[in-house]
Amino acid sequence: MRIDFETYNLERTDDHILIVTMNRANAANAMNTQMGLDGKAIFEGLYTETEGVRCVVLTGAGSKAFCAGGDLKERKGMTDAQWRYQHAVFEQGVMAMRNCPVPIIAAVNGAAFGGGCETAMNADFTYASKTARFALPEVSLGIMPGAMGTQNMPQAVGERRAKEIILTGRPFSAEEAYQWGLVNKVCEPENLMDDTIETARLIAQNAPQSIMRAKRSISVSTQVDRATGYQFELEAYNRLVGTEDRHEGVLAFNEKRKPNFTGT
C-alpha cells in the first residue's frame, strides 16, 4: 500500500485499521487540487486491494479543523476550465470514497465546512468532537454543494432540515448534528480518536467479506425499492455461504472461542 502522500498521513494500527489523516493543518485541512488527487488515489487503491485493511478512520490534522472545504486561496484567480478540472478531480474522489469496500468512520475533530462536511457524510458514519462545527455554506459563495451534499444531507437529517442547512449556509454544532442524525456519537475532544478506534476494532474483528457485502447492501437499499434491495441482499448473502469465514464463524461459536477470520 502506498503511504507517501503529500497531503495525507497514513498509519496502520492493530494490523487491520488504517488511520487516514488530512494533513494540511496550516490551511485548516482545506482541499487543494493535490489533496483531491491524493484522496482519490488512496480510496481507489483500497478498492482494488485492501491489503488486510478492514476499517478506515478518516480525520484531520490539528485540533481546529477536520476540513474547511475547498481551498479558496488556491481557487482565487482560477479560470473556469481550471475550476472544472479541479472539481472533476474532487468528483472522482467522492466516487472512490463512496465505492470503497472497506467501512470508513469519520472522526470529525473540528470545523467541517463545505466539502469537509460532505467528506464526513461520504464516510459510512461519523463520530465528532464536542468542539466540531458543521456547515454547507456554498450558496454564500455563488455555488452549491457538489460532493453529494444535496444527496447525503436529506438521507441523514430529512428533507426539510436539509433544505434549511443548505439554503441558509448556517453553521451548527456537533450536538445539533447528533440530534438531527448526522453524527452517531459526540465525544470529548481528548477521547475522539480512542472512541472511534474502539468502534473500528469492533468492525475489524468481524468477517471481512461479510462486512464489505453488508455495507454494499445497505448502500444499495437507499437507492432502489425494497424488493430490488432484498434481491441484492440475498445475492450477497448467498455468496458468503461457501466462504471459509462462514465455516469458521459457526465452528468458533460451537467451540465457544473467538473466530479467526481470514477474509477467505
C-alpha atoms as a PDB file:
ATOM      1  CA  MET A   1       0.000   0.000   0.000  1.00  0.00           C
ATOM      2  CA  ARG A   2       1.337   3.407  -0.954  1.00  0.00           C
ATOM      3  CA  ILE A   3       1.734   5.712   2.068  1.00  0.00           C
ATOM      4  CA  ASP A   4       3.837   8.607   0.711  1.00  0.00           C
ATOM      5  CA  PHE A   5       1.174  11.246   0.082  1.00  0.00           C
ATOM      6  CA  GLU A   6       1.877  14.972   0.146  1.00  0.00           C
ATOM      7  CA  THR A   7      -1.404  15.991   1.787  1.00  0.00           C
ATOM      8  CA  TYR A   8      -2.387  12.887   3.780  1.00  0.00           C
ATOM      9  CA  ASN A   9      -0.750  10.855   6.502  1.00  0.00           C
ATOM     10  CA  LEU A  10      -1.480   7.114   6.571  1.00  0.00           C
ATOM     11  CA  GLU A  11      -0.897   4.924   9.607  1.00  0.00           C
ATOM     12  CA  ARG A  12      -1.766   1.275  10.240  1.00  0.00           C
ATOM     13  CA  THR A  13      -2.828   0.269  13.737  1.00  0.00           C
ATOM     14  CA  ASP A  14      -3.936  -3.105  15.102  1.00  0.00           C
ATOM     15  CA  ASP A  15      -2.945  -4.621  11.714  1.00  0.00           C
ATOM     16  CA  HIS A  16      -6.413  -4.168  10.211  1.00  0.00           C
ATOM     17  CA  ILE A  17      -7.203  -0.484  10.885  1.00  0.00           C
ATOM     18  CA  LEU A  18      -5.945   2.323   8.657  1.00  0.00           C
ATOM     19  CA  ILE A  19      -5.924   5.877  10.034  1.00  0.00           C
ATOM     20  CA  VAL A  20      -6.120   8.385   7.181  1.00  0.00           C
ATOM     21  CA  THR A  21      -5.351  11.954   8.250  1.00  0.00           C
ATOM     22  CA  MET A  22      -5.884  15.006   6.058  1.00  0.00           C
ATOM     23  CA  ASN A  23      -2.564  16.736   6.631  1.00  0.00           C
ATOM     24  CA  ARG A  24      -2.807  20.442   5.788  1.00  0.00           C
ATOM     25  CA  ALA A  25      -3.296  21.781   9.312  1.00  0.00           C
ATOM     26  CA  ASN A  26      -1.730  25.146   8.386  1.00  0.00           C
ATOM     27  CA  ALA A  27      -4.596  25.593   5.891  1.00  0.00           C
ATOM     28  CA  ALA A  28      -7.359  24.125   8.125  1.00  0.00           C
ATOM     29  CA  ASN A  29      -7.027  20.949   6.023  1.00  0.00           C
ATOM     30  CA  ALA A  30      -8.709  22.757   3.136  1.00  0.00           C
ATOM     31  CA  MET A  31      -8.794  20.726  -0.052  1.00  0.00           C
ATOM     32  CA  ASN A  32      -6.493  21.895  -2.822  1.00  0.00           C
ATOM     33  CA  THR A  33      -6.033  20.071  -6.110  1.00  0.00           C
ATOM     34  CA  GLN A  34      -3.195  17.910  -4.775  1.00  0.00           C
ATOM     35  CA  MET A  35      -5.334  16.845  -1.834  1.00  0.00           C
ATOM     36  CA  GLY A  36      -8.060  15.858  -4.273  1.00  0.00           C
ATOM     37  CA  LEU A  37      -5.619  13.763  -6.276  1.00  0.00           C
ATOM     38  CA  ASP A  38      -4.188  12.158  -3.133  1.00  0.00           C
ATOM     39  CA  GLY A  39      -7.598  11.299  -1.662  1.00  0.00           C
ATOM     40  CA  LYS A  40      -8.701   9.821  -4.967  1.00  0.00           C
ATOM     41  CA  ALA A  41      -5.561   7.646  -5.101  1.00  0.00           C
ATOM     42  CA  ILE A  42      -5.986   6.418  -1.509  1.00  0.00           C
ATOM     43  CA  PHE A  43      -9.561   5.227  -1.892  1.00  0.00           C
ATOM     44  CA  GLU A  44      -9.099   3.887  -5.417  1.00  0.00           C
ATOM     45  CA  GLY A  45      -6.209   1.875  -4.010  1.00  0.00           C
ATOM     46  CA  LEU A  46      -8.422   0.368  -1.322  1.00  0.00           C
ATOM     47  CA  TYR A  47     -10.996  -0.513  -3.986  1.00  0.00           C
ATOM     48  CA  THR A  48      -8.509  -2.620  -5.920  1.00  0.00           C
ATOM     49  CA  GLU A  49      -6.577  -4.075  -2.964  1.00  0.00           C
ATOM     50  CA  THR A  50      -7.488  -3.765   0.713  1.00  0.00           C
ATOM     51  CA  GLU A  51      -4.188  -5.344   1.848  1.00  0.00           C
ATOM     52  CA  GLY A  52      -5.779  -6.548   5.069  1.00  0.00           C
ATOM     53  CA  VAL A  53      -7.418  -3.229   5.955  1.00  0.00           C
ATOM     54  CA  ARG A  54     -10.828  -3.903   7.493  1.00  0.00           C
ATOM     55  CA  CYS A  55     -11.761  -0.403   8.672  1.00  0.00           C
ATOM     56  CA  VAL A  56     -10.621   3.149   7.885  1.00  0.00           C
ATOM     57  CA  VAL A  57     -10.675   6.059  10.336  1.00  0.00           C
ATOM     58  CA  LEU A  58     -10.648   9.402   8.494  1.00  0.00           C
ATOM     59  CA  THR A  59      -9.706  12.538  10.436  1.00  0.00           C
ATOM     60  CA  GLY A  60      -7.945  15.885  10.136  1.00  0.00           C
ATOM     61  CA  ALA A  61      -4.583  17.053  11.427  1.00  0.00           C
ATOM     62  CA  GLY A  62      -4.566  19.522  14.304  1.00  0.00           C
ATOM     63  CA  SER A  63      -7.296  20.360  16.763  1.00  0.00           C
ATOM     64  CA  LYS A  64      -9.179  23.154  14.995  1.00  0.00           C
ATOM     65  CA  ALA A  65     -10.362  21.702  11.705  1.00  0.00           C
ATOM     66  CA  PHE A  66     -11.429  18.398  10.224  1.00  0.00           C
ATOM     67  CA  CYS A  67     -11.583  20.031   6.812  1.00  0.00           C
ATOM     68  CA  ALA A  68     -12.556  23.599   5.902  1.00  0.00           C
ATOM     69  CA  GLY A  69     -13.751  22.607   2.424  1.00  0.00           C
ATOM     70  CA  GLY A  70     -12.251  23.758  -0.851  1.00  0.00           C
ATOM     71  CA  ASP A  71      -9.067  25.847  -0.669  1.00  0.00           C
ATOM     72  CA  LEU A  72     -10.398  29.243  -1.707  1.00  0.00           C
ATOM     73  CA  LYS A  73      -6.911  30.757  -1.770  1.00  0.00           C
ATOM     74  CA  GLU A  74      -5.913  28.295  -4.474  1.00  0.00           C
ATOM     75  CA  ARG A  75      -9.205  28.867  -6.266  1.00  0.00           C
ATOM     76  CA  LYS A  76      -8.704  32.653  -6.390  1.00  0.00           C
ATOM     77  CA  GLY A  77      -7.939  33.575  -9.977  1.00  0.00           C
ATOM     78  CA  MET A  78      -8.734  30.135 -11.408  1.00  0.00           C
ATOM     79  CA  THR A  79     -10.170  30.120 -14.894  1.00  0.00           C
ATOM     80  CA  ASP A  80     -13.479  28.357 -15.414  1.00  0.00           C
ATOM     81  CA  ALA A  81     -11.581  25.497 -17.082  1.00  0.00           C
ATOM     82  CA  GLN A  82      -9.197  25.161 -14.145  1.00  0.00           C
ATOM     83  CA  TRP A  83     -12.117  25.192 -11.694  1.00  0.00           C
ATOM     84  CA  ARG A  84     -13.930  22.497 -13.655  1.00  0.00           C
ATOM     85  CA  TYR A  85     -10.773  20.365 -13.798  1.00  0.00           C
ATOM     86  CA  GLN A  86     -10.277  20.615 -10.053  1.00  0.00           C
ATOM     87  CA  HIS A  87     -13.890  19.777  -9.351  1.00  0.00           C
ATOM     88  CA  ALA A  88     -13.702  16.784 -11.703  1.00  0.00           C
ATOM     89  CA  VAL A  89     -10.833  15.512  -9.525  1.00  0.00           C
ATOM     90  CA  PHE A  90     -12.985  16.033  -6.422  1.00  0.00           C
ATOM     91  CA  GLU A  91     -15.916  14.257  -8.086  1.00  0.00           C
ATOM     92  CA  GLN A  92     -13.800  11.203  -8.821  1.00  0.00           C
ATOM     93  CA  GLY A  93     -12.524  11.271  -5.252  1.00  0.00           C
ATOM     94  CA  VAL A  94     -16.086  11.297  -3.942  1.00  0.00           C
ATOM     95  CA  MET A  95     -16.974   8.250  -6.015  1.00  0.00           C
ATOM     96  CA  ALA A  96     -13.779   6.460  -4.941  1.00  0.00           C
ATOM     97  CA  MET A  97     -14.674   7.072  -1.306  1.00  0.00           C
ATOM     98  CA  ARG A  98     -18.292   6.022  -1.777  1.00  0.00           C
ATOM     99  CA  ASN A  99     -17.230   2.868  -3.628  1.00  0.00           C
ATOM    100  CA  CYS A 100     -14.578   1.887  -1.091  1.00  0.00           C
ATOM    101  CA  PRO A 101     -15.447  -1.649   0.071  1.00  0.00           C
ATOM    102  CA  VAL A 102     -13.882  -1.056   3.497  1.00  0.00           C
ATOM    103  CA  PRO A 103     -16.021   0.743   6.111  1.00  0.00           C
ATOM    104  CA  ILE A 104     -14.965   4.353   6.739  1.00  0.00           C
ATOM    105  CA  ILE A 105     -15.587   6.154  10.027  1.00  0.00           C
ATOM    106  CA  ALA A 106     -15.110   9.922  10.026  1.00  0.00           C
ATOM    107  CA  ALA A 107     -13.611  11.294  13.251  1.00  0.00           C
ATOM    108  CA  VAL A 108     -14.514  14.984  12.999  1.00  0.00           C
ATOM    109  CA  ASN A 109     -12.081  16.824  15.247  1.00  0.00           C
ATOM    110  CA  GLY A 110     -13.028  20.418  14.413  1.00  0.00           C
ATOM    111  CA  ALA A 111     -14.652  22.521  11.715  1.00  0.00           C
ATOM    112  CA  ALA A 112     -16.220  20.519   8.873  1.00  0.00           C
ATOM    113  CA  PHE A 113     -17.411  23.141   6.410  1.00  0.00           C
ATOM    114  CA  GLY A 114     -18.407  22.803   2.778  1.00  0.00           C
ATOM    115  CA  GLY A 115     -16.528  19.913   1.230  1.00  0.00           C
ATOM    116  CA  GLY A 116     -15.328  18.951   4.693  1.00  0.00           C
ATOM    117  CA  CYS A 117     -18.889  18.388   5.837  1.00  0.00           C
ATOM    118  CA  GLU A 118     -19.570  16.492   2.617  1.00  0.00           C
ATOM    119  CA  THR A 119     -16.483  14.335   3.214  1.00  0.00           C
ATOM    120  CA  ALA A 120     -17.792  13.398   6.657  1.00  0.00           C
ATOM    121  CA  MET A 121     -21.133  12.475   5.094  1.00  0.00           C
ATOM    122  CA  ASN A 122     -19.423  10.352   2.452  1.00  0.00           C
ATOM    123  CA  ALA A 123     -17.999   8.218   5.239  1.00  0.00           C
ATOM    124  CA  ASP A 124     -20.174   5.353   6.436  1.00  0.00           C
ATOM    125  CA  PHE A 125     -20.820   7.095   9.739  1.00  0.00           C
ATOM    126  CA  THR A 126     -19.362   9.854  11.873  1.00  0.00           C
ATOM    127  CA  TYR A 127     -18.100  10.488  15.394  1.00  0.00           C
ATOM    128  CA  ALA A 128     -17.470  14.123  16.333  1.00  0.00           C
ATOM    129  CA  SER A 129     -15.661  16.101  18.975  1.00  0.00           C
ATOM    130  CA  LYS A 130     -17.825  18.377  21.116  1.00  0.00           C
ATOM    131  CA  THR A 131     -15.882  21.253  19.590  1.00  0.00           C
ATOM    132  CA  ALA A 132     -16.746  20.288  15.998  1.00  0.00           C
ATOM    133  CA  ARG A 133     -18.839  22.605  13.848  1.00  0.00           C
ATOM    134  CA  PHE A 134     -20.594  21.769  10.591  1.00  0.00           C
ATOM    135  CA  ALA A 135     -21.879  23.827   7.670  1.00  0.00           C
ATOM    136  CA  LEU A 136     -22.648  23.746   3.971  1.00  0.00           C
ATOM    137  CA  PRO A 137     -22.100  27.430   3.107  1.00  0.00           C
ATOM    138  CA  GLU A 138     -21.638  27.050  -0.648  1.00  0.00           C
ATOM    139  CA  VAL A 139     -24.651  29.196  -1.593  1.00  0.00           C
ATOM    140  CA  SER A 140     -22.949  32.166   0.091  1.00  0.00           C
ATOM    141  CA  LEU A 141     -20.134  31.782  -2.473  1.00  0.00           C
ATOM    142  CA  GLY A 142     -22.332  31.612  -5.548  1.00  0.00           C
ATOM    143  CA  ILE A 143     -22.091  27.839  -5.875  1.00  0.00           C
ATOM    144  CA  MET A 144     -23.819  24.886  -4.188  1.00  0.00           C
ATOM    145  CA  PRO A 145     -22.772  21.587  -2.613  1.00  0.00           C
ATOM    146  CA  GLY A 146     -21.095  19.467  -5.273  1.00  0.00           C
ATOM    147  CA  ALA A 147     -19.697  16.460  -3.385  1.00  0.00           C
ATOM    148  CA  MET A 148     -23.003  14.679  -2.718  1.00  0.00           C
ATOM    149  CA  GLY A 149     -24.114  17.210  -0.112  1.00  0.00           C
ATOM    150  CA  THR A 150     -27.616  17.542  -1.565  1.00  0.00           C
ATOM    151  CA  GLN A 151     -27.845  13.742  -1.737  1.00  0.00           C
ATOM    152  CA  ASN A 152     -26.476  12.744   1.667  1.00  0.00           C
ATOM    153  CA  MET A 153     -27.832  15.503   3.890  1.00  0.00           C
ATOM    154  CA  PRO A 154     -31.528  14.666   3.275  1.00  0.00           C
ATOM    155  CA  GLN A 155     -30.731  10.985   3.901  1.00  0.00           C
ATOM    156  CA  ALA A 156     -29.187  11.897   7.247  1.00  0.00           C
ATOM    157  CA  VAL A 157     -31.437  14.645   8.616  1.00  0.00           C
ATOM    158  CA  GLY A 158     -34.554  14.625   6.439  1.00  0.00           C
ATOM    159  CA  GLU A 159     -35.540  16.813   3.502  1.00  0.00           C
ATOM    160  CA  ARG A 160     -36.863  19.815   5.412  1.00  0.00           C
ATOM    161  CA  ARG A 161     -33.882  20.101   7.768  1.00  0.00           C
ATOM    162  CA  ALA A 162     -31.512  19.588   4.831  1.00  0.00           C
ATOM    163  CA  LYS A 163     -33.099  22.471   2.956  1.00  0.00           C
ATOM    164  CA  GLU A 164     -32.666  24.727   5.978  1.00  0.00           C
ATOM    165  CA  ILE A 165     -28.999  23.736   6.366  1.00  0.00           C
ATOM    166  CA  ILE A 166     -28.122  24.091   2.677  1.00  0.00           C
ATOM    167  CA  LEU A 167     -30.188  27.156   1.782  1.00  0.00           C
ATOM    168  CA  THR A 168     -29.091  29.220   4.791  1.00  0.00           C
ATOM    169  CA  GLY A 169     -25.489  28.006   4.943  1.00  0.00           C
ATOM    170  CA  ARG A 170     -25.704  28.479   8.705  1.00  0.00           C
ATOM    171  CA  PRO A 171     -23.174  26.584  10.876  1.00  0.00           C
ATOM    172  CA  PHE A 172     -24.400  24.142  13.511  1.00  0.00           C
ATOM    173  CA  SER A 173     -22.866  22.348  16.457  1.00  0.00           C
ATOM    174  CA  ALA A 174     -21.832  18.731  16.980  1.00  0.00           C
ATOM    175  CA  GLU A 175     -24.695  18.309  19.453  1.00  0.00           C
ATOM    176  CA  GLU A 176     -27.202  19.572  16.863  1.00  0.00           C
ATOM    177  CA  ALA A 177     -25.647  17.252  14.275  1.00  0.00           C
ATOM    178  CA  TYR A 178     -26.144  14.374  16.699  1.00  0.00           C
ATOM    179  CA  GLN A 179     -29.746  15.304  17.479  1.00  0.00           C
ATOM    180  CA  TRP A 180     -30.568  15.576  13.771  1.00  0.00           C
ATOM    181  CA  GLY A 181     -28.962  12.219  12.852  1.00  0.00           C
ATOM    182  CA  LEU A 182     -25.865  13.450  11.006  1.00  0.00           C
ATOM    183  CA  VAL A 183     -23.446  12.319  13.738  1.00  0.00           C
ATOM    184  CA  ASN A 184     -23.528   8.961  15.533  1.00  0.00           C
ATOM    185  CA  LYS A 185     -21.650   9.981  18.671  1.00  0.00           C
ATOM    186  CA  VAL A 186     -20.335  13.181  20.266  1.00  0.00           C
ATOM    187  CA  CYS A 187     -17.057  12.706  22.136  1.00  0.00           C
ATOM    188  CA  GLU A 188     -14.859  14.707  24.439  1.00  0.00           C
ATOM    189  CA  PRO A 189     -12.057  16.144  22.258  1.00  0.00           C
ATOM    190  CA  GLU A 190      -9.372  14.125  24.002  1.00  0.00           C
ATOM    191  CA  ASN A 191     -11.377  10.906  23.590  1.00  0.00           C
ATOM    192  CA  LEU A 192     -12.444  11.264  19.954  1.00  0.00           C
ATOM    193  CA  MET A 193      -9.778   9.073  18.361  1.00  0.00           C
ATOM    194  CA  ASP A 194      -9.843   6.463  21.130  1.00  0.00           C
ATOM    195  CA  ASP A 195     -13.637   6.164  20.871  1.00  0.00           C
ATOM    196  CA  THR A 196     -13.503   5.972  17.080  1.00  0.00           C
ATOM    197  CA  ILE A 197     -10.726   3.379  17.034  1.00  0.00           C
ATOM    198  CA  GLU A 198     -12.599   1.303  19.630  1.00  0.00           C
ATOM    199  CA  THR A 199     -15.539   1.087  17.218  1.00  0.00           C
ATOM    200  CA  ALA A 200     -13.185   0.419  14.295  1.00  0.00           C
ATOM    201  CA  ARG A 201     -11.814  -2.543  16.257  1.00  0.00           C
ATOM    202  CA  LEU A 202     -15.294  -3.965  16.704  1.00  0.00           C
ATOM    203  CA  ILE A 203     -15.786  -3.793  12.943  1.00  0.00           C
ATOM    204  CA  ALA A 204     -12.318  -5.168  12.162  1.00  0.00           C
ATOM    205  CA  GLN A 205     -12.823  -8.268  14.327  1.00  0.00           C
ATOM    206  CA  ASN A 206     -15.741  -9.388  12.159  1.00  0.00           C
ATOM    207  CA  ALA A 207     -15.566 -11.350   8.913  1.00  0.00           C
ATOM    208  CA  PRO A 208     -14.180  -9.005   6.207  1.00  0.00           C
ATOM    209  CA  GLN A 209     -16.311 -10.291   3.333  1.00  0.00           C
ATOM    210  CA  SER A 210     -19.424 -10.136   5.499  1.00  0.00           C
ATOM    211  CA  ILE A 211     -18.664  -6.520   6.410  1.00  0.00           C
ATOM    212  CA  MET A 212     -17.990  -5.474   2.821  1.00  0.00           C
ATOM    213  CA  ARG A 213     -21.098  -7.162   1.405  1.00  0.00           C
ATOM    214  CA  ALA A 214     -23.336  -5.875   4.201  1.00  0.00           C
ATOM    215  CA  LYS A 215     -22.002  -2.343   3.646  1.00  0.00           C
ATOM    216  CA  ARG A 216     -22.755  -2.501  -0.071  1.00  0.00           C
ATOM    217  CA  SER A 217     -26.198  -3.979   0.533  1.00  0.00           C
ATOM    218  CA  ILE A 218     -27.105  -1.162   2.930  1.00  0.00           C
ATOM    219  CA  SER A 219     -25.941   1.431   0.406  1.00  0.00           C
ATOM    220  CA  VAL A 220     -27.973  -0.159  -2.382  1.00  0.00           C
ATOM    221  CA  SER A 221     -31.073  -0.192  -0.171  1.00  0.00           C
ATOM    222  CA  THR A 222     -31.167   3.614  -0.153  1.00  0.00           C
ATOM    223  CA  GLN A 223     -31.230   3.766  -3.955  1.00  0.00           C
ATOM    224  CA  VAL A 224     -33.787   1.141  -5.003  1.00  0.00           C
ATOM    225  CA  ASP A 225     -37.184  -0.213  -3.950  1.00  0.00           C
ATOM    226  CA  ARG A 226     -37.269  -2.773  -1.134  1.00  0.00           C
ATOM    227  CA  ALA A 227     -37.955  -5.771  -3.346  1.00  0.00           C
ATOM    228  CA  THR A 228     -34.939  -4.995  -5.539  1.00  0.00           C
ATOM    229  CA  GLY A 229     -32.834  -4.230  -2.484  1.00  0.00           C
ATOM    230  CA  TYR A 230     -33.790  -7.551  -0.939  1.00  0.00           C
ATOM    231  CA  GLN A 231     -32.752  -9.422  -4.073  1.00  0.00           C
ATOM    232  CA  PHE A 232     -29.346  -7.713  -3.839  1.00  0.00           C
ATOM    233  CA  GLU A 233     -29.158  -8.667  -0.156  1.00  0.00           C
ATOM    234  CA  LEU A 234     -29.927 -12.322  -0.914  1.00  0.00           C
ATOM    235  CA  GLU A 235     -27.338 -12.440  -3.693  1.00  0.00           C
ATOM    236  CA  ALA A 236     -24.741 -11.011  -1.301  1.00  0.00           C
ATOM    237  CA  TYR A 237     -25.810 -13.375   1.491  1.00  0.00           C
ATOM    238  CA  ASN A 238     -25.586 -16.486  -0.651  1.00  0.00           C
ATOM    239  CA  ARG A 239     -22.094 -15.587  -1.840  1.00  0.00           C
ATOM    240  CA  LEU A 240     -20.969 -15.845   1.799  1.00  0.00           C
ATOM    241  CA  VAL A 241     -22.291 -19.372   2.354  1.00  0.00           C
ATOM    242  CA  GLY A 242     -19.309 -21.102   0.757  1.00  0.00           C
ATOM    243  CA  THR A 243     -16.604 -18.969   2.368  1.00  0.00           C
ATOM    244  CA  GLU A 244     -14.080 -20.310   4.860  1.00  0.00           C
ATOM    245  CA  ASP A 245     -15.002 -17.497   7.236  1.00  0.00           C
ATOM    246  CA  ARG A 246     -18.630 -18.670   7.346  1.00  0.00           C
ATOM    247  CA  HIS A 247     -17.453 -22.157   8.353  1.00  0.00           C
ATOM    248  CA  GLU A 248     -15.014 -20.671  10.863  1.00  0.00           C
ATOM    249  CA  GLY A 249     -17.688 -18.447  12.414  1.00  0.00           C
ATOM    250  CA  VAL A 250     -20.077 -21.313  13.063  1.00  0.00           C
ATOM    251  CA  LEU A 251     -17.286 -23.600  14.282  1.00  0.00           C
ATOM    252  CA  ALA A 252     -15.948 -20.952  16.674  1.00  0.00           C
ATOM    253  CA  PHE A 253     -19.424 -20.383  18.082  1.00  0.00           C
ATOM    254  CA  ASN A 254     -19.874 -24.075  18.804  1.00  0.00           C
ATOM    255  CA  GLU A 255     -16.380 -24.380  20.246  1.00  0.00           C
ATOM    256  CA  LYS A 256     -17.005 -21.304  22.437  1.00  0.00           C
ATOM    257  CA  ARG A 257     -13.966 -19.414  21.162  1.00  0.00           C
ATOM    258  CA  LYS A 258     -13.212 -16.237  19.244  1.00  0.00           C
ATOM    259  CA  PRO A 259     -13.243 -16.803  15.465  1.00  0.00           C
ATOM    260  CA  ASN A 260     -10.120 -16.298  13.390  1.00  0.00           C
ATOM    261  CA  PHE A 261     -11.393 -14.649  10.241  1.00  0.00           C
ATOM    262  CA  THR A 262      -9.029 -14.503   7.258  1.00  0.00           C
ATOM    263  CA  GLY A 263     -11.225 -12.886   4.616  1.00  0.00           C
ATOM    264  CA  THR A 264     -11.481 -16.081   2.571  1.00  0.00           C
END
